Amino acid sequence: MNLISIVQVIISIAVIVLILLQERSAGGGAIFGGAGGDSFYQRRRGTERLIFVGTIVLVAAFAILAVVNLLINK
């Protein structure tokens, strides 16, 4: 296992944790249409915004590392 693969595993665990930390004010009901249309689009503030942006950054880093790993091992 090379260094890039190890970093990918660490990033994937961090992404899973950040996704689980994200909370929705409407709960799971919004997925099944139980909440109104207003609750889906809301402004993220403070820690919620930090977790959201961190998730996006880590997913982008994971994708870039996946492409680099693919090119190196080709």
PDB file of N, CA and C in Angstrom:
ATOM      1  N   MET A   1       0.858  -1.179   0.000  1.00  0.00           N
ATOM      2  CA  MET A   1       0.000   0.000   0.000  1.00  0.00           C
ATOM      3  C   MET A   1       0.901   1.238   0.000  1.00  0.00           C
ATOM      4  N   ASN A   2       0.691   2.119  -0.961  1.00  0.00           N
ATOM      5  CA  ASN A   2       1.533   3.303  -1.037  1.00  0.00           C
ATOM      6  C   ASN A   2       0.961   4.448  -0.191  1.00  0.00           C
ATOM      7  N   LEU A   3       1.698   5.521  -0.109  1.00  0.00           N
ATOM      8  CA  LEU A   3       1.333   6.660   0.737  1.00  0.00           C
ATOM      9  C   LEU A   3       0.024   7.305   0.285  1.00  0.00           C
ATOM     10  N   ILE A   4      -0.185   7.388  -1.015  1.00  0.00           N
ATOM     11  CA  ILE A   4      -1.419   8.007  -1.520  1.00  0.00           C
ATOM     12  C   ILE A   4      -2.639   7.203  -1.092  1.00  0.00           C
ATOM     13  N   SER A   5      -2.530   5.904  -1.112  1.00  0.00           N
ATOM     14  CA  SER A   5      -3.655   5.059  -0.687  1.00  0.00           C
ATOM     15  C   SER A   5      -3.961   5.242   0.792  1.00  0.00           C
ATOM     16  N   ILE A   6      -2.930   5.373   1.592  1.00  0.00           N
ATOM     17  CA  ILE A   6      -3.125   5.586   3.031  1.00  0.00           C
ATOM     18  C   ILE A   6      -3.802   6.926   3.284  1.00  0.00           C
ATOM     19  N   VAL A   7      -3.365   7.955   2.557  1.00  0.00           N
ATOM     20  CA  VAL A   7      -3.985   9.278   2.702  1.00  0.00           C
ATOM     21  C   VAL A   7      -5.440   9.237   2.240  1.00  0.00           C
ATOM     22  N   GLN A   8      -5.728   8.480   1.180  1.00  0.00           N
ATOM     23  CA  GLN A   8      -7.109   8.336   0.709  1.00  0.00           C
ATOM     24  C   GLN A   8      -7.988   7.678   1.768  1.00  0.00           C
ATOM     25  N   VAL A   9      -7.480   6.684   2.448  1.00  0.00           N
ATOM     26  CA  VAL A   9      -8.253   6.023   3.504  1.00  0.00           C
ATOM     27  C   VAL A   9      -8.547   7.000   4.637  1.00  0.00           C
ATOM     28  N   ILE A  10      -7.545   7.784   5.025  1.00  0.00           N
ATOM     29  CA  ILE A  10      -7.733   8.760   6.096  1.00  0.00           C
ATOM     30  C   ILE A  10      -8.755   9.821   5.686  1.00  0.00           C
ATOM     31  N   ILE A  11      -8.650  10.307   4.439  1.00  0.00           N
ATOM     32  CA  ILE A  11      -9.599  11.312   3.957  1.00  0.00           C
ATOM     33  C   ILE A  11     -11.005  10.728   3.872  1.00  0.00           C
ATOM     34  N   SER A  12     -11.122   9.484   3.434  1.00  0.00           N
ATOM     35  CA  SER A  12     -12.457   8.882   3.335  1.00  0.00           C
ATOM     36  C   SER A  12     -13.108   8.732   4.703  1.00  0.00           C
ATOM     37  N   ILE A  13     -12.344   8.394   5.713  1.00  0.00           N
ATOM     38  CA  ILE A  13     -12.881   8.303   7.078  1.00  0.00           C
ATOM     39  C   ILE A  13     -13.322   9.687   7.560  1.00  0.00           C
ATOM     40  N   ALA A  14     -12.517  10.712   7.259  1.00  0.00           N
ATOM     41  CA  ALA A  14     -12.870  12.078   7.652  1.00  0.00           C
ATOM     42  C   ALA A  14     -14.136  12.545   6.939  1.00  0.00           C
ATOM     43  N   VAL A  15     -14.293  12.185   5.665  1.00  0.00           N
ATOM     44  CA  VAL A  15     -15.502  12.555   4.922  1.00  0.00           C
ATOM     45  C   VAL A  15     -16.730  11.882   5.526  1.00  0.00           C
ATOM     46  N   ILE A  16     -16.599  10.627   5.884  1.00  0.00           N
ATOM     47  CA  ILE A  16     -17.718   9.911   6.507  1.00  0.00           C
ATOM     48  C   ILE A  16     -18.124  10.586   7.812  1.00  0.00           C
ATOM     49  N   VAL A  17     -17.133  10.950   8.621  1.00  0.00           N
ATOM     50  CA  VAL A  17     -17.427  11.612   9.900  1.00  0.00           C
ATOM     51  C   VAL A  17     -18.107  12.954   9.662  1.00  0.00           C
ATOM     52  N   LEU A  18     -17.588  13.740   8.718  1.00  0.00           N
ATOM     53  CA  LEU A  18     -18.185  15.053   8.459  1.00  0.00           C
ATOM     54  C   LEU A  18     -19.605  14.931   7.913  1.00  0.00           C
ATOM     55  N   ILE A  19     -19.859  13.944   7.074  1.00  0.00           N
ATOM     56  CA  ILE A  19     -21.215  13.745   6.564  1.00  0.00           C
ATOM     57  C   ILE A  19     -22.161  13.363   7.696  1.00  0.00           C
ATOM     58  N   LEU A  20     -21.694  12.531   8.603  1.00  0.00           N
ATOM     59  CA  LEU A  20     -22.542  12.143   9.730  1.00  0.00           C
ATOM     60  C   LEU A  20     -22.773  13.294  10.707  1.00  0.00           C
ATOM     61  N   LEU A  21     -21.845  14.253  10.756  1.00  0.00           N
ATOM     62  CA  LEU A  21     -22.005  15.396  11.648  1.00  0.00           C
ATOM     63  C   LEU A  21     -22.971  16.445  11.108  1.00  0.00           C
ATOM     64  N   GLN A  22     -23.186  16.422   9.812  1.00  0.00           N
ATOM     65  CA  GLN A  22     -24.100  17.413   9.238  1.00  0.00           C
ATOM     66  C   GLN A  22     -25.506  17.130   9.734  1.00  0.00           C
ATOM     67  N   GLU A  23     -26.158  18.172  10.214  1.00  0.00           N
ATOM     68  CA  GLU A  23     -27.506  17.973  10.709  1.00  0.00           C
ATOM     69  C   GLU A  23     -28.494  18.751   9.863  1.00  0.00           C
ATOM     70  N   ARG A  24     -29.637  18.218   9.733  1.00  0.00           N
ATOM     71  CA  ARG A  24     -30.709  18.876   8.991  1.00  0.00           C
ATOM     72  C   ARG A  24     -31.790  19.260   9.990  1.00  0.00           C
ATOM     73  N   SER A  25     -32.241  20.469   9.874  1.00  0.00           N
ATOM     74  CA  SER A  25     -33.264  20.921  10.815  1.00  0.00           C
ATOM     75  C   SER A  25     -34.582  20.179  10.610  1.00  0.00           C
ATOM     76  N   ALA A  26     -34.842  19.702   9.391  1.00  0.00           N
ATOM     77  CA  ALA A  26     -36.088  19.002   9.113  1.00  0.00           C
ATOM     78  C   ALA A  26     -36.002  17.518   9.434  1.00  0.00           C
ATOM     79  N   GLY A  27     -34.827  17.012   9.704  1.00  0.00           N
ATOM     80  CA  GLY A  27     -34.681  15.593   9.989  1.00  0.00           C
ATOM     81  C   GLY A  27     -34.792  14.765   8.717  1.00  0.00           C
ATOM     82  N   GLY A  28     -35.058  13.482   8.859  1.00  0.00           N
ATOM     83  CA  GLY A  28     -35.148  12.590   7.714  1.00  0.00           C
ATOM     84  C   GLY A  28     -36.435  12.733   6.934  1.00  0.00           C
ATOM     85  N   GLY A  29     -37.405  13.465   7.474  1.00  0.00           N
ATOM     86  CA  GLY A  29     -38.683  13.608   6.799  1.00  0.00           C
ATOM     87  C   GLY A  29     -38.587  14.359   5.486  1.00  0.00           C
ATOM     88  N   ALA A  30     -37.595  15.215   5.345  1.00  0.00           N
ATOM     89  CA  ALA A  30     -37.456  15.990   4.106  1.00  0.00           C
ATOM     90  C   ALA A  30     -37.117  15.088   2.921  1.00  0.00           C
ATOM     91  N   ILE A  31     -36.463  13.977   3.197  1.00  0.00           N
ATOM     92  CA  ILE A  31     -36.106  13.051   2.128  1.00  0.00           C
ATOM     93  C   ILE A  31     -37.366  12.459   1.502  1.00  0.00           C
ATOM     94  N   PHE A  32     -38.356  12.189   2.317  1.00  0.00           N
ATOM     95  CA  PHE A  32     -39.572  11.544   1.848  1.00  0.00           C
ATOM     96  C   PHE A  32     -40.700  12.537   1.567  1.00  0.00           C
ATOM     97  N   GLY A  33     -40.373  13.815   1.533  1.00  0.00           N
ATOM     98  CA  GLY A  33     -41.373  14.827   1.219  1.00  0.00           C
ATOM     99  C   GLY A  33     -42.200  15.258   2.404  1.00  0.00           C
ATOM    100  N   GLY A  34     -41.771  14.942   3.608  1.00  0.00           N
ATOM    101  CA  GLY A  34     -42.549  15.284   4.785  1.00  0.00           C
ATOM    102  C   GLY A  34     -42.417  16.730   5.216  1.00  0.00           C
ATOM    103  N   ALA A  35     -41.362  17.407   4.799  1.00  0.00           N
ATOM    104  CA  ALA A  35     -41.163  18.791   5.216  1.00  0.00           C
ATOM    105  C   ALA A  35     -41.529  19.726   4.082  1.00  0.00           C
ATOM    106  N   GLY A  36     -41.720  20.995   4.433  1.00  0.00           N
ATOM    107  CA  GLY A  36     -42.053  21.998   3.428  1.00  0.00           C
ATOM    108  C   GLY A  36     -40.857  22.324   2.558  1.00  0.00           C
ATOM    109  N   GLY A  37     -41.083  23.063   1.493  1.00  0.00           N
ATOM    110  CA  GLY A  37     -40.025  23.403   0.560  1.00  0.00           C
ATOM    111  C   GLY A  37     -38.991  24.350   1.137  1.00  0.00           C
ATOM    112  N   ASP A  38     -39.358  25.108   2.178  1.00  0.00           N
ATOM    113  CA  ASP A  38     -38.435  26.090   2.740  1.00  0.00           C
ATOM    114  C   ASP A  38     -37.274  25.453   3.481  1.00  0.00           C
ATOM    115  N   SER A  39     -37.485  24.306   4.077  1.00  0.00           N
ATOM    116  CA  SER A  39     -36.468  23.732   4.961  1.00  0.00           C
ATOM    117  C   SER A  39     -35.279  23.163   4.199  1.00  0.00           C
ATOM    118  N   PHE A  40     -35.447  22.839   2.914  1.00  0.00           N
ATOM    119  CA  PHE A  40     -34.336  22.255   2.175  1.00  0.00           C
ATOM    120  C   PHE A  40     -33.275  23.302   1.869  1.00  0.00           C
ATOM    121  N   TYR A  41     -33.709  24.484   1.470  1.00  0.00           N
ATOM    122  CA  TYR A  41     -32.776  25.559   1.143  1.00  0.00           C
ATOM    123  C   TYR A  41     -32.675  26.495   2.339  1.00  0.00           C
ATOM    124  N   GLN A  42     -31.568  26.411   3.029  1.00  0.00           N
ATOM    125  CA  GLN A  42     -31.360  27.280   4.186  1.00  0.00           C
ATOM    126  C   GLN A  42     -29.910  27.734   4.204  1.00  0.00           C
ATOM    127  N   ARG A  43     -29.664  28.830   4.868  1.00  0.00           N
ATOM    128  CA  ARG A  43     -28.303  29.332   4.978  1.00  0.00           C
ATOM    129  C   ARG A  43     -27.581  28.568   6.078  1.00  0.00           C
ATOM    130  N   ARG A  44     -26.352  28.204   5.773  1.00  0.00           N
ATOM    131  CA  ARG A  44     -25.536  27.522   6.763  1.00  0.00           C
ATOM    132  C   ARG A  44     -24.701  28.568   7.471  1.00  0.00           C
ATOM    133  N   ARG A  45     -24.605  28.460   8.776  1.00  0.00           N
ATOM    134  CA  ARG A  45     -23.859  29.437   9.554  1.00  0.00           C
ATOM    135  C   ARG A  45     -22.979  28.735  10.564  1.00  0.00           C
ATOM    136  N   GLY A  46     -21.880  29.368  10.899  1.00  0.00           N
ATOM    137  CA  GLY A  46     -21.008  28.890  11.963  1.00  0.00           C
ATOM    138  C   GLY A  46     -20.414  27.528  11.685  1.00  0.00           C
ATOM    139  N   THR A  47     -20.554  26.659  12.660  1.00  0.00           N
ATOM    140  CA  THR A  47     -19.975  25.326  12.589  1.00  0.00           C
ATOM    141  C   THR A  47     -20.585  24.509  11.455  1.00  0.00           C
ATOM    142  N   GLU A  48     -21.873  24.687  11.223  1.00  0.00           N
ATOM    143  CA  GLU A  48     -22.542  23.938  10.152  1.00  0.00           C
ATOM    144  C   GLU A  48     -21.917  24.285   8.795  1.00  0.00           C
ATOM    145  N   ARG A  49     -21.600  25.547   8.587  1.00  0.00           N
ATOM    146  CA  ARG A  49     -20.966  25.966   7.333  1.00  0.00           C
ATOM    147  C   ARG A  49     -19.552  25.412   7.239  1.00  0.00           C
ATOM    148  N   LEU A  50     -18.822  25.429   8.352  1.00  0.00           N
ATOM    149  CA  LEU A  50     -17.461  24.900   8.377  1.00  0.00           C
ATOM    150  C   LEU A  50     -17.447  23.415   8.037  1.00  0.00           C
ATOM    151  N   ILE A  51     -18.380  22.658   8.585  1.00  0.00           N
ATOM    152  CA  ILE A  51     -18.470  21.228   8.299  1.00  0.00           C
ATOM    153  C   ILE A  51     -18.837  21.006   6.831  1.00  0.00           C
ATOM    154  N   PHE A  52     -19.754  21.813   6.310  1.00  0.00           N
ATOM    155  CA  PHE A  52     -20.182  21.693   4.914  1.00  0.00           C
ATOM    156  C   PHE A  52     -19.023  21.976   3.952  1.00  0.00           C
ATOM    157  N   VAL A  53     -18.315  23.077   4.175  1.00  0.00           N
ATOM    158  CA  VAL A  53     -17.192  23.435   3.307  1.00  0.00           C
ATOM    159  C   VAL A  53     -16.056  22.421   3.455  1.00  0.00           C
ATOM    160  N   GLY A  54     -15.813  21.973   4.676  1.00  0.00           N
ATOM    161  CA  GLY A  54     -14.785  20.957   4.902  1.00  0.00           C
ATOM    162  C   GLY A  54     -15.082  19.663   4.165  1.00  0.00           C
ATOM    163  N   THR A  55     -16.347  19.290   4.132  1.00  0.00           N
ATOM    164  CA  THR A  55     -16.743  18.090   3.404  1.00  0.00           C
ATOM    165  C   THR A  55     -16.454  18.236   1.915  1.00  0.00           C
ATOM    166  N   ILE A  56     -16.792  19.397   1.365  1.00  0.00           N
ATOM    167  CA  ILE A  56     -16.544  19.632  -0.062  1.00  0.00           C
ATOM    168  C   ILE A  56     -15.047  19.595  -0.363  1.00  0.00           C
ATOM    169  N   VAL A  57     -14.243  20.225   0.476  1.00  0.00           N
ATOM    170  CA  VAL A  57     -12.794  20.262   0.266  1.00  0.00           C
ATOM    171  C   VAL A  57     -12.205  18.857   0.339  1.00  0.00           C
ATOM    172  N   LEU A  58     -12.627  18.071   1.330  1.00  0.00           N
ATOM    173  CA  LEU A  58     -12.085  16.720   1.472  1.00  0.00           C
ATOM    174  C   LEU A  58     -12.527  15.799   0.328  1.00  0.00           C
ATOM    175  N   VAL A  59     -13.744  15.963  -0.155  1.00  0.00           N
ATOM    176  CA  VAL A  59     -14.196  15.150  -1.286  1.00  0.00           C
ATOM    177  C   VAL A  59     -13.404  15.508  -2.538  1.00  0.00           C
ATOM    178  N   ALA A  60     -13.133  16.794  -2.733  1.00  0.00           N
ATOM    179  CA  ALA A  60     -12.323  17.208  -3.882  1.00  0.00           C
ATOM    180  C   ALA A  60     -10.902  16.662  -3.764  1.00  0.00           C
ATOM    181  N   ALA A  61     -10.325  16.719  -2.562  1.00  0.00           N
ATOM    182  CA  ALA A  61      -8.979  16.177  -2.351  1.00  0.00           C
ATOM    183  C   ALA A  61      -8.953  14.673  -2.597  1.00  0.00           C
ATOM    184  N   PHE A  62     -10.002  13.976  -2.157  1.00  0.00           N
ATOM    185  CA  PHE A  62     -10.090  12.540  -2.377  1.00  0.00           C
ATOM    186  C   PHE A  62     -10.143  12.224  -3.871  1.00  0.00           C
ATOM    187  N   ALA A  63     -10.934  12.991  -4.623  1.00  0.00           N
ATOM    188  CA  ALA A  63     -11.048  12.755  -6.066  1.00  0.00           C
ATOM    189  C   ALA A  63      -9.720  13.017  -6.774  1.00  0.00           C
ATOM    190  N   ILE A  64      -9.044  14.077  -6.387  1.00  0.00           N
ATOM    191  CA  ILE A  64      -7.744  14.390  -6.996  1.00  0.00           C
ATOM    192  C   ILE A  64      -6.732  13.293  -6.688  1.00  0.00           C
ATOM    193  N   LEU A  65      -6.709  12.831  -5.445  1.00  0.00           N
ATOM    194  CA  LEU A  65      -5.789  11.748  -5.084  1.00  0.00           C
ATOM    195  C   LEU A  65      -6.125  10.454  -5.820  1.00  0.00           C
ATOM    196  N   ALA A  66      -7.402  10.213  -6.065  1.00  0.00           N
ATOM    197  CA  ALA A  66      -7.793   9.011  -6.801  1.00  0.00           C
ATOM    198  C   ALA A  66      -7.263   9.057  -8.230  1.00  0.00           C
ATOM    199  N   VAL A  67      -7.350  10.223  -8.859  1.00  0.00           N
ATOM    200  CA  VAL A  67      -6.831  10.362 -10.232  1.00  0.00           C
ATOM    201  C   VAL A  67      -5.312  10.235 -10.236  1.00  0.00           C
ATOM    202  N   VAL A  68      -4.656  10.873  -9.278  1.00  0.00           N
ATOM    203  CA  VAL A  68      -3.186  10.770  -9.197  1.00  0.00           C
ATOM    204  C   VAL A  68      -2.762   9.333  -8.959  1.00  0.00           C
ATOM    205  N   ASN A  69      -3.449   8.642  -8.080  1.00  0.00           N
ATOM    206  CA  ASN A  69      -3.147   7.243  -7.791  1.00  0.00           C
ATOM    207  C   ASN A  69      -3.352   6.387  -9.034  1.00  0.00           C
ATOM    208  N   LEU A  70      -4.392   6.679  -9.795  1.00  0.00           N
ATOM    209  CA  LEU A  70      -4.651   5.948 -11.029  1.00  0.00           C
ATOM    210  C   LEU A  70      -3.527   6.169 -12.051  1.00  0.00           C
ATOM    211  N   LEU A  71      -3.090   7.407 -12.167  1.00  0.00           N
ATOM    212  CA  LEU A  71      -2.027   7.720 -13.135  1.00  0.00           C
ATOM    213  C   LEU A  71      -0.683   7.148 -12.734  1.00  0.00           C
ATOM    214  N   ILE A  72      -0.414   7.124 -11.436  1.00  0.00           N
ATOM    215  CA  ILE A  72       0.872   6.571 -10.965  1.00  0.00           C
ATOM    216  C   ILE A  72       0.923   5.062 -11.147  1.00  0.00           C
ATOM    217  N   ASN A  73      -0.162   4.392 -10.857  1.00  0.00           N
ATOM    218  CA  ASN A  73      -0.197   2.921 -10.914  1.00  0.00           C
ATOM    219  C   ASN A  73      -0.509   2.382 -12.303  1.00  0.00           C
ATOM    220  N   LYS A  74      -0.620   3.237 -13.287  1.00  0.00           N
ATOM    221  CA  LYS A  74      -0.969   2.787 -14.629  1.00  0.00           C
ATOM    222  C   LYS A  74       0.201   2.128 -15.313  1.00  0.00           C
TER     223      LYS A  74
END
